[in-house]
Structures are given as structure tokens and as C-alpha cells.
PDB file of N, CA and C in Angstrom:
ATOM      1  N   UNK A   1       0.787  -1.338  -0.133  1.00  0.00           N
ATOM      2  CA  UNK A   1      -0.250   0.120  -0.247  1.00  0.00           C
ATOM      3  C   UNK A   1       0.946   1.206  -0.451  1.00  0.00           C
ATOM      4  N   UNK A   2       2.040   1.097   0.565  1.00  0.00           N
ATOM      5  CA  UNK A   2       2.872   2.210   0.644  1.00  0.00           C
ATOM      6  C   UNK A   2       3.365   2.640  -0.938  1.00  0.00           C
ATOM      7  N   UNK A   3       3.613   1.776  -1.328  1.00  0.00           N
ATOM      8  CA  UNK A   3       3.959   1.544  -2.781  1.00  0.00           C
ATOM      9  C   UNK A   3       3.229   2.491  -3.756  1.00  0.00           C
ATOM     10  N   UNK A   4       1.853   2.059  -3.523  1.00  0.00           N
ATOM     11  CA  UNK A   4       0.819   2.702  -4.013  1.00  0.00           C
ATOM     12  C   UNK A   4       0.947   4.246  -3.772  1.00  0.00           C
ATOM     13  N   UNK A   5       0.524   4.608  -2.736  1.00  0.00           N
ATOM     14  CA  UNK A   5       0.568   5.725  -2.496  1.00  0.00           C
ATOM     15  C   UNK A   5       1.493   6.663  -2.596  1.00  0.00           C
ATOM     16  N   UNK A   6       3.286   5.921  -2.741  1.00  0.00           N
ATOM     17  CA  UNK A   6       3.947   6.936  -3.262  1.00  0.00           C
ATOM     18  C   UNK A   6       4.071   7.440  -4.900  1.00  0.00           C
ATOM     19  N   UNK A   7       3.172   6.026  -5.790  1.00  0.00           N
ATOM     20  CA  UNK A   7       3.217   6.380  -6.835  1.00  0.00           C
ATOM     21  C   UNK A   7       2.327   7.422  -7.234  1.00  0.00           C
ATOM     22  N   UNK A   8       1.027   7.304  -6.480  1.00  0.00           N
ATOM     23  CA  UNK A   8       0.059   8.224  -6.658  1.00  0.00           C
ATOM     24  C   UNK A   8       0.209   9.689  -6.212  1.00  0.00           C
ATOM     25  N   UNK A   9       1.119   9.941  -5.181  1.00  0.00           N
ATOM     26  CA  UNK A   9       1.229  11.117  -4.680  1.00  0.00           C
ATOM     27  C   UNK A   9       2.392  12.035  -4.993  1.00  0.00           C
ATOM     28  N   UNK A  10       1.953  13.194  -5.422  1.00  0.00           N
ATOM     29  CA  UNK A  10       3.340  14.297  -6.123  1.00  0.00           C
ATOM     30  C   UNK A  10       3.825  14.867  -4.813  1.00  0.00           C
ATOM     31  N   UNK A  11       4.774  15.213  -4.733  1.00  0.00           N
ATOM     32  CA  UNK A  11       5.464  15.992  -3.663  1.00  0.00           C
ATOM     33  C   UNK A  11       5.391  17.496  -4.237  1.00  0.00           C
ATOM     34  N   UNK A  12       4.903  18.564  -3.199  1.00  0.00           N
ATOM     35  CA  UNK A  12       4.504  19.828  -3.327  1.00  0.00           C
ATOM     36  C   UNK A  12       4.995  20.522  -2.141  1.00  0.00           C
ATOM     37  N   UNK A  13       5.414  21.855  -2.568  1.00  0.00           N
ATOM     38  CA  UNK A  13       5.386  22.946  -1.300  1.00  0.00           C
ATOM     39  C   UNK A  13       4.835  24.014  -1.546  1.00  0.00           C
ATOM     40  N   UNK A  14       4.455  24.414  -0.433  1.00  0.00           N
ATOM     41  CA  UNK A  14       3.583  26.128  -0.658  1.00  0.00           C
ATOM     42  C   UNK A  14       3.973  26.578   0.584  1.00  0.00           C
ATOM     43  N   UNK A  15       4.829  27.845   0.343  1.00  0.00           N
ATOM     44  CA  UNK A  15       5.279  28.729   1.236  1.00  0.00           C
ATOM     45  C   UNK A  15       4.458  29.742   1.212  1.00  0.00           C
ATOM     46  N   UNK A  16       3.976  30.203   2.539  1.00  0.00           N
ATOM     47  CA  UNK A  16       3.375  31.552   2.544  1.00  0.00           C
ATOM     48  C   UNK A  16       3.954  32.459   3.752  1.00  0.00           C
ATOM     49  N   UNK A  17       4.472  33.795   3.010  1.00  0.00           N
ATOM     50  CA  UNK A  17       4.917  34.860   3.848  1.00  0.00           C
ATOM     51  C   UNK A  17       6.002  33.974   4.863  1.00  0.00           C
ATOM     52  N   UNK A  18       6.946  32.990   4.096  1.00  0.00           N
ATOM     53  CA  UNK A  18       8.118  32.378   5.193  1.00  0.00           C
ATOM     54  C   UNK A  18       7.567  31.995   6.390  1.00  0.00           C
ATOM     55  N   UNK A  19       6.444  32.067   6.789  1.00  0.00           N
ATOM     56  CA  UNK A  19       5.581  31.332   8.175  1.00  0.00           C
ATOM     57  C   UNK A  19       5.042  30.227   8.149  1.00  0.00           C
ATOM     58  N   UNK A  20       4.280  29.832   6.872  1.00  0.00           N
ATOM     59  CA  UNK A  20       3.814  28.503   7.120  1.00  0.00           C
ATOM     60  C   UNK A  20       4.215  27.910   5.611  1.00  0.00           C
ATOM     61  N   UNK A  21       3.908  26.574   6.005  1.00  0.00           N
ATOM     62  CA  UNK A  21       4.348  25.874   4.783  1.00  0.00           C
ATOM     63  C   UNK A  21       3.617  24.445   4.858  1.00  0.00           C
ATOM     64  N   UNK A  22       2.929  24.357   3.329  1.00  0.00           N
ATOM     65  CA  UNK A  22       2.503  22.798   3.378  1.00  0.00           C
ATOM     66  C   UNK A  22       3.473  22.148   2.539  1.00  0.00           C
ATOM     67  N   UNK A  23       3.330  20.864   2.741  1.00  0.00           N
ATOM     68  CA  UNK A  23       4.117  19.946   1.959  1.00  0.00           C
ATOM     69  C   UNK A  23       3.298  18.381   1.915  1.00  0.00           C
ATOM     70  N   UNK A  24       3.546  18.317   0.657  1.00  0.00           N
ATOM     71  CA  UNK A  24       2.555  16.755   0.103  1.00  0.00           C
ATOM     72  C   UNK A  24       4.054  15.606  -0.342  1.00  0.00           C
ATOM     73  N   UNK A  25       3.563  14.598  -0.373  1.00  0.00           N
ATOM     74  CA  UNK A  25       4.631  13.650  -0.731  1.00  0.00           C
ATOM     75  C   UNK A  25       5.520  13.320   0.116  1.00  0.00           C
ATOM     76  N   UNK A  26       5.091  13.459   1.615  1.00  0.00           N
ATOM     77  CA  UNK A  26       6.198  13.134   2.829  1.00  0.00           C
ATOM     78  C   UNK A  26       5.775  11.761   3.201  1.00  0.00           C
ATOM     79  N   UNK A  27       7.193  11.105   3.224  1.00  0.00           N
ATOM     80  CA  UNK A  27       6.983   9.689   3.800  1.00  0.00           C
ATOM     81  C   UNK A  27       7.353   9.674   4.791  1.00  0.00           C
ATOM     82  N   UNK A  28       7.829  10.395   5.399  1.00  0.00           N
ATOM     83  CA  UNK A  28       8.348  10.273   7.016  1.00  0.00           C
ATOM     84  C   UNK A  28       8.784  11.326   7.537  1.00  0.00           C
ATOM     85  N   UNK A  29       8.811  11.646   8.818  1.00  0.00           N
ATOM     86  CA  UNK A  29       9.317  12.966   9.618  1.00  0.00           C
ATOM     87  C   UNK A  29      10.198  12.239  10.707  1.00  0.00           C
ATOM     88  N   UNK A  30      11.669  12.689  10.342  1.00  0.00           N
ATOM     89  CA  UNK A  30      12.455  11.928  11.265  1.00  0.00           C
ATOM     90  C   UNK A  30      13.064  12.588  12.137  1.00  0.00           C
ATOM     91  N   UNK A  31      12.850  14.105  12.150  1.00  0.00           N
ATOM     92  CA  UNK A  31      13.424  14.646  13.412  1.00  0.00           C
ATOM     93  C   UNK A  31      12.527  15.978  13.421  1.00  0.00           C
ATOM     94  N   UNK A  32      12.261  16.846  14.574  1.00  0.00           N
ATOM     95  CA  UNK A  32      11.841  18.235  14.365  1.00  0.00           C
ATOM     96  C   UNK A  32      11.820  18.370  15.458  1.00  0.00           C
ATOM     97  N   UNK A  33      12.553  20.099  15.856  1.00  0.00           N
ATOM     98  CA  UNK A  33      12.289  20.814  16.688  1.00  0.00           C
ATOM     99  C   UNK A  33      11.755  22.262  16.467  1.00  0.00           C
ATOM    100  N   UNK A  34      12.404  23.311  16.982  1.00  0.00           N
ATOM    101  CA  UNK A  34      12.099  24.583  16.874  1.00  0.00           C
ATOM    102  C   UNK A  34      13.064  25.371  15.873  1.00  0.00           C
ATOM    103  N   UNK A  35      13.908  24.246  15.843  1.00  0.00           N
ATOM    104  CA  UNK A  35      15.010  25.007  14.505  1.00  0.00           C
ATOM    105  C   UNK A  35      15.085  24.373  13.502  1.00  0.00           C
ATOM    106  N   UNK A  36      14.740  23.072  13.175  1.00  0.00           N
ATOM    107  CA  UNK A  36      15.034  22.510  12.349  1.00  0.00           C
ATOM    108  C   UNK A  36      13.862  21.311  12.214  1.00  0.00           C
ATOM    109  N   UNK A  37      13.417  21.028  10.813  1.00  0.00           N
ATOM    110  CA  UNK A  37      12.776  19.864  10.765  1.00  0.00           C
ATOM    111  C   UNK A  37      13.216  18.818   9.216  1.00  0.00           C
ATOM    112  N   UNK A  38      13.595  17.654  10.111  1.00  0.00           N
ATOM    113  CA  UNK A  38      13.997  16.757   8.531  1.00  0.00           C
ATOM    114  C   UNK A  38      12.936  15.845   8.321  1.00  0.00           C
ATOM    115  N   UNK A  39      12.756  15.688   6.776  1.00  0.00           N
ATOM    116  CA  UNK A  39      11.569  14.788   6.605  1.00  0.00           C
ATOM    117  C   UNK A  39      12.246  13.892   5.320  1.00  0.00           C
ATOM    118  N   UNK A  40      11.651  12.586   5.278  1.00  0.00           N
ATOM    119  CA  UNK A  40      11.993  12.252   3.864  1.00  0.00           C
ATOM    120  C   UNK A  40      10.873  12.000   3.210  1.00  0.00           C
ATOM    121  N   UNK A  41      11.443  12.686   1.929  1.00  0.00           N
ATOM    122  CA  UNK A  41       9.663  12.963   0.796  1.00  0.00           C
ATOM    123  C   UNK A  41      10.299  12.260  -0.528  1.00  0.00           C
ATOM    124  N   UNK A  42       9.442  12.206  -1.451  1.00  0.00           N
ATOM    125  CA  UNK A  42       9.642  11.339  -2.375  1.00  0.00           C
ATOM    126  C   UNK A  42      10.451  12.161  -3.513  1.00  0.00           C
ATOM    127  N   UNK A  43      11.158  13.177  -3.056  1.00  0.00           N
ATOM    128  CA  UNK A  43      11.987  13.683  -3.857  1.00  0.00           C
ATOM    129  C   UNK A  43      13.424  13.789  -2.890  1.00  0.00           C
ATOM    130  N   UNK A  44      13.303  12.996  -2.227  1.00  0.00           N
ATOM    131  CA  UNK A  44      15.053  13.035  -1.261  1.00  0.00           C
ATOM    132  C   UNK A  44      14.560  13.532  -0.041  1.00  0.00           C
ATOM    133  N   UNK A  45      15.796  13.902   0.688  1.00  0.00           N
ATOM    134  CA  UNK A  45      15.565  14.024   2.007  1.00  0.00           C
ATOM    135  C   UNK A  45      15.490  15.714   2.072  1.00  0.00           C
ATOM    136  N   UNK A  46      14.318  15.964   3.013  1.00  0.00           N
ATOM    137  CA  UNK A  46      14.034  17.759   3.025  1.00  0.00           C
ATOM    138  C   UNK A  46      14.576  18.314   4.466  1.00  0.00           C
ATOM    139  N   UNK A  47      15.354  19.296   4.509  1.00  0.00           N
ATOM    140  CA  UNK A  47      15.883  19.667   5.891  1.00  0.00           C
ATOM    141  C   UNK A  47      15.324  21.207   5.523  1.00  0.00           C
ATOM    142  N   UNK A  48      14.353  21.653   6.816  1.00  0.00           N
ATOM    143  CA  UNK A  48      14.087  23.062   6.928  1.00  0.00           C
ATOM    144  C   UNK A  48      14.908  23.412   8.100  1.00  0.00           C
ATOM    145  N   UNK A  49      14.922  24.814   7.870  1.00  0.00           N
ATOM    146  CA  UNK A  49      15.781  25.484   9.120  1.00  0.00           C
ATOM    147  C   UNK A  49      15.014  26.837   9.607  1.00  0.00           C
ATOM    148  N   UNK A  50      15.013  26.893  10.554  1.00  0.00           N
ATOM    149  CA  UNK A  50      14.306  28.496  10.985  1.00  0.00           C
ATOM    150  C   UNK A  50      14.058  28.633  12.077  1.00  0.00           C
ATOM    151  N   UNK A  51      13.495  29.548  12.719  1.00  0.00           N
ATOM    152  CA  UNK A  51      12.978  29.674  13.960  1.00  0.00           C
ATOM    153  C   UNK A  51      11.637  29.407  14.801  1.00  0.00           C
ATOM    154  N   UNK A  52      11.373  29.014  15.965  1.00  0.00           N
ATOM    155  CA  UNK A  52      10.295  28.660  16.437  1.00  0.00           C
ATOM    156  C   UNK A  52       9.198  27.996  15.319  1.00  0.00           C
ATOM    157  N   UNK A  53       9.597  26.762  14.872  1.00  0.00           N
ATOM    158  CA  UNK A  53       9.015  26.044  13.922  1.00  0.00           C
ATOM    159  C   UNK A  53       8.328  25.112  14.605  1.00  0.00           C
ATOM    160  N   UNK A  54       7.015  24.757  14.322  1.00  0.00           N
ATOM    161  CA  UNK A  54       6.220  23.464  14.729  1.00  0.00           C
ATOM    162  C   UNK A  54       5.413  22.875  13.831  1.00  0.00           C
ATOM    163  N   UNK A  55       5.242  21.557  13.863  1.00  0.00           N
ATOM    164  CA  UNK A  55       4.525  21.004  12.917  1.00  0.00           C
ATOM    165  C   UNK A  55       3.149  20.863  13.616  1.00  0.00           C
ATOM    166  N   UNK A  56       2.449  21.571  12.741  1.00  0.00           N
ATOM    167  CA  UNK A  56       0.871  21.751  12.708  1.00  0.00           C
ATOM    168  C   UNK A  56      -0.056  20.760  12.290  1.00  0.00           C
ATOM    169  N   UNK A  57       0.192  20.222  11.228  1.00  0.00           N
ATOM    170  CA  UNK A  57      -0.286  18.792  10.969  1.00  0.00           C
ATOM    171  C   UNK A  57       0.371  17.789  10.304  1.00  0.00           C
ATOM    172  N   UNK A  58       0.124  16.390  10.790  1.00  0.00           N
ATOM    173  CA  UNK A  58       1.426  15.301  10.331  1.00  0.00           C
ATOM    174  C   UNK A  58       0.102  14.649  10.196  1.00  0.00           C
ATOM    175  N   UNK A  59       0.080  13.749   8.694  1.00  0.00           N
ATOM    176  CA  UNK A  59      -0.872  12.642   8.114  1.00  0.00           C
ATOM    177  C   UNK A  59       0.082  12.171   7.483  1.00  0.00           C
ATOM    178  N   UNK A  60       0.605  11.252   7.775  1.00  0.00           N
ATOM    179  CA  UNK A  60       1.830  10.236   7.012  1.00  0.00           C
ATOM    180  C   UNK A  60       1.184   9.353   6.019  1.00  0.00           C
ATOM    181  N   UNK A  61      -0.179   9.149   6.573  1.00  0.00           N
ATOM    182  CA  UNK A  61      -0.965   7.913   5.531  1.00  0.00           C
ATOM    183  C   UNK A  61      -1.541   9.057   4.033  1.00  0.00           C
ATOM    184  N   UNK A  62      -1.978  10.152   4.291  1.00  0.00           N
ATOM    185  CA  UNK A  62      -1.821  11.206   3.415  1.00  0.00           C
ATOM    186  C   UNK A  62      -0.479  11.300   2.683  1.00  0.00           C
ATOM    187  N   UNK A  63       0.252  11.501   3.262  1.00  0.00           N
ATOM    188  CA  UNK A  63       2.025  12.093   3.035  1.00  0.00           C
ATOM    189  C   UNK A  63       1.908  13.762   3.014  1.00  0.00           C
ATOM    190  N   UNK A  64       1.031  13.968   4.422  1.00  0.00           N
ATOM    191  CA  UNK A  64       0.740  15.442   4.010  1.00  0.00           C
ATOM    192  C   UNK A  64       1.296  16.365   5.365  1.00  0.00           C
ATOM    193  N   UNK A  65       2.097  17.254   5.439  1.00  0.00           N
ATOM    194  CA  UNK A  65       2.760  17.922   6.566  1.00  0.00           C
ATOM    195  C   UNK A  65       2.413  19.434   6.719  1.00  0.00           C
ATOM    196  N   UNK A  66       2.256  20.162   7.747  1.00  0.00           N
ATOM    197  CA  UNK A  66       2.038  21.403   7.861  1.00  0.00           C
ATOM    198  C   UNK A  66       2.905  21.820   8.641  1.00  0.00           C
ATOM    199  N   UNK A  67       3.599  23.366   8.262  1.00  0.00           N
ATOM    200  CA  UNK A  67       4.820  24.027   9.207  1.00  0.00           C
ATOM    201  C   UNK A  67       4.450  24.959   9.773  1.00  0.00           C
ATOM    202  N   UNK A  68       4.583  25.750  10.874  1.00  0.00           N
ATOM    203  CA  UNK A  68       4.019  26.881  11.120  1.00  0.00           C
ATOM    204  C   UNK A  68       5.651  27.405  11.875  1.00  0.00           C
ATOM    205  N   UNK A  69       6.008  28.571  11.721  1.00  0.00           N
ATOM    206  CA  UNK A  69       7.124  29.420  12.300  1.00  0.00           C
ATOM    207  C   UNK A  69       7.865  30.068  11.085  1.00  0.00           C
ATOM    208  N   UNK A  70       8.794  30.755  11.745  1.00  0.00           N
ATOM    209  CA  UNK A  70      10.121  31.338  10.334  1.00  0.00           C
ATOM    210  C   UNK A  70      11.179  30.501   9.925  1.00  0.00           C
ATOM    211  N   UNK A  71      10.737  30.158   8.279  1.00  0.00           N
ATOM    212  CA  UNK A  71      11.644  29.471   7.614  1.00  0.00           C
ATOM    213  C   UNK A  71      12.354  30.298   7.031  1.00  0.00           C
ATOM    214  N   UNK A  72      13.768  30.205   7.380  1.00  0.00           N
ATOM    215  CA  UNK A  72      15.124  30.438   6.660  1.00  0.00           C
ATOM    216  C   UNK A  72      15.847  29.670   5.673  1.00  0.00           C
ATOM    217  N   UNK A  73      15.679  28.511   6.079  1.00  0.00           N
ATOM    218  CA  UNK A  73      16.291  27.472   4.709  1.00  0.00           C
ATOM    219  C   UNK A  73      15.487  26.421   4.130  1.00  0.00           C
ATOM    220  N   UNK A  74      15.468  26.133   2.887  1.00  0.00           N
ATOM    221  CA  UNK A  74      14.808  24.936   2.938  1.00  0.00           C
ATOM    222  C   UNK A  74      16.089  24.115   1.602  1.00  0.00           C
ATOM    223  N   UNK A  75      16.427  22.841   2.407  1.00  0.00           N
ATOM    224  CA  UNK A  75      17.404  22.319   1.547  1.00  0.00           C
ATOM    225  C   UNK A  75      17.103  20.978   0.862  1.00  0.00           C
ATOM    226  N   UNK A  76      17.536  20.344   0.267  1.00  0.00           N
ATOM    227  CA  UNK A  76      17.036  18.827  -0.244  1.00  0.00           C
ATOM    228  C   UNK A  76      18.388  18.149  -0.140  1.00  0.00           C
ATOM    229  N   UNK A  77      18.355  16.897   0.422  1.00  0.00           N
ATOM    230  CA  UNK A  77      19.965  15.766  -0.038  1.00  0.00           C
ATOM    231  C   UNK A  77      19.473  14.627  -0.780  1.00  0.00           C
ATOM    232  N   UNK A  78      20.070  14.224  -1.717  1.00  0.00           N
ATOM    233  CA  UNK A  78      19.993  13.015  -2.069  1.00  0.00           C
ATOM    234  C   UNK A  78      20.048  12.132  -1.430  1.00  0.00           C
ATOM    235  N   UNK A  79      21.169  11.982  -0.662  1.00  0.00           N
ATOM    236  CA  UNK A  79      21.862  10.972   0.097  1.00  0.00           C
ATOM    237  C   UNK A  79      20.907  10.246   1.448  1.00  0.00           C
ATOM    238  N   UNK A  80      20.897   8.894   1.413  1.00  0.00           N
ATOM    239  CA  UNK A  80      19.517   8.501   2.310  1.00  0.00           C
ATOM    240  C   UNK A  80      20.240   8.419   3.963  1.00  0.00           C
ATOM    241  N   UNK A  81      19.863   7.724   5.008  1.00  0.00           N
ATOM    242  CA  UNK A  81      20.159   7.778   6.116  1.00  0.00           C
ATOM    243  C   UNK A  81      20.953   6.449   6.805  1.00  0.00           C
ATOM    244  N   UNK A  82      22.510   6.535   7.022  1.00  0.00           N
ATOM    245  CA  UNK A  82      22.934   5.691   7.528  1.00  0.00           C
ATOM    246  C   UNK A  82      23.715   5.985   8.881  1.00  0.00           C
ATOM    247  N   UNK A  83      23.997   5.117   9.575  1.00  0.00           N
ATOM    248  CA  UNK A  83      24.567   5.119  10.731  1.00  0.00           C
ATOM    249  C   UNK A  83      25.939   5.462  11.255  1.00  0.00           C
ATOM    250  N   UNK A  84      26.560   5.579   9.793  1.00  0.00           N
ATOM    251  CA  UNK A  84      28.154   5.703   9.385  1.00  0.00           C
ATOM    252  C   UNK A  84      28.748   7.084  10.071  1.00  0.00           C
ATOM    253  N   UNK A  85      30.031   6.973   9.864  1.00  0.00           N
ATOM    254  CA  UNK A  85      30.731   8.057  10.476  1.00  0.00           C
ATOM    255  C   UNK A  85      30.132   9.613   9.673  1.00  0.00           C
ATOM    256  N   UNK A  86      30.212   9.330   8.496  1.00  0.00           N
ATOM    257  CA  UNK A  86      29.817  10.349   7.181  1.00  0.00           C
ATOM    258  C   UNK A  86      28.279  10.072   6.886  1.00  0.00           C
ATOM    259  N   UNK A  87      27.367   9.620   7.778  1.00  0.00           N
ATOM    260  CA  UNK A  87      25.893   9.558   7.508  1.00  0.00           C
ATOM    261  C   UNK A  87      25.090  10.882   7.354  1.00  0.00           C
ATOM    262  N   UNK A  88      24.280  10.954   6.716  1.00  0.00           N
ATOM    263  CA  UNK A  88      23.380  12.094   6.459  1.00  0.00           C
ATOM    264  C   UNK A  88      23.278  12.764   7.567  1.00  0.00           C
ATOM    265  N   UNK A  89      22.345  12.280   8.826  1.00  0.00           N
ATOM    266  CA  UNK A  89      22.377  12.906  10.017  1.00  0.00           C
ATOM    267  C   UNK A  89      23.439  13.415  10.659  1.00  0.00           C
ATOM    268  N   UNK A  90      24.617  12.660  10.715  1.00  0.00           N
ATOM    269  CA  UNK A  90      25.931  12.986  11.341  1.00  0.00           C
ATOM    270  C   UNK A  90      26.359  14.184  10.806  1.00  0.00           C
ATOM    271  N   UNK A  91      26.186  14.261   9.465  1.00  0.00           N
ATOM    272  CA  UNK A  91      26.760  15.567   8.867  1.00  0.00           C
ATOM    273  C   UNK A  91      25.837  16.935   9.174  1.00  0.00           C
ATOM    274  N   UNK A  92      24.634  16.917   9.592  1.00  0.00           N
ATOM    275  CA  UNK A  92      23.528  17.859   9.507  1.00  0.00           C
ATOM    276  C   UNK A  92      23.926  18.271  11.248  1.00  0.00           C
ATOM    277  N   UNK A  93      24.138  17.342  11.947  1.00  0.00           N
ATOM    278  CA  UNK A  93      23.938  17.638  13.521  1.00  0.00           C
ATOM    279  C   UNK A  93      25.667  17.595  14.228  1.00  0.00           C
ATOM    280  N   UNK A  94      26.109  18.338  13.139  1.00  0.00           N
ATOM    281  CA  UNK A  94      27.868  18.487  13.585  1.00  0.00           C
ATOM    282  C   UNK A  94      27.762  19.374  14.537  1.00  0.00           C
TER     283      UNK A  94
END
């Protein structure tokens, strides 16, 4: 069923005034706090950075996430997550 959702869902981001963002095509939210949100999307790893960020809506069955707060940076990474020394998460949390 996850494979069907992945094929049917499009990845889209809508940013309003750098304070609200709606994201579709989200597979999983790996980490979030007030300064960063890391999510796996259909198009790669998505990293949002900012201030006072909160996940307002989280519906992984539909692949939808909404974020509130000041968004400063939107970044994609093609790399997956591993637990090695040069892993994606280790590079982010240096």
C-alpha cells in the first residue's frame, strides 16, 4: 500500500510569507524541533531550518505535513540515512 501511495502522491511545497508551509509527498518525519525539521520525501531528504517552527498537521497516511514558524532555509539531499561516520544525520548535526 505504501508503494501505491508513493506512486499516486505528488511532492509539492507551498510557502506562505515564510511563516507557513504545506508539504505533500512526505514519507516520514525523522526529526523536528523549533530550529529544524528533517523529513523524507518522494524527492529526497528535506531539511527545513528556522525559528519557532512547529509541526501543525502530520498525516503520513496521506503524505501531508504543515509547518508554522519562521522558515529560513529549505534544503534537499539525495543521500539516504545511515549510521556511519559520514552519514546524512551526522553531517547535519555537526
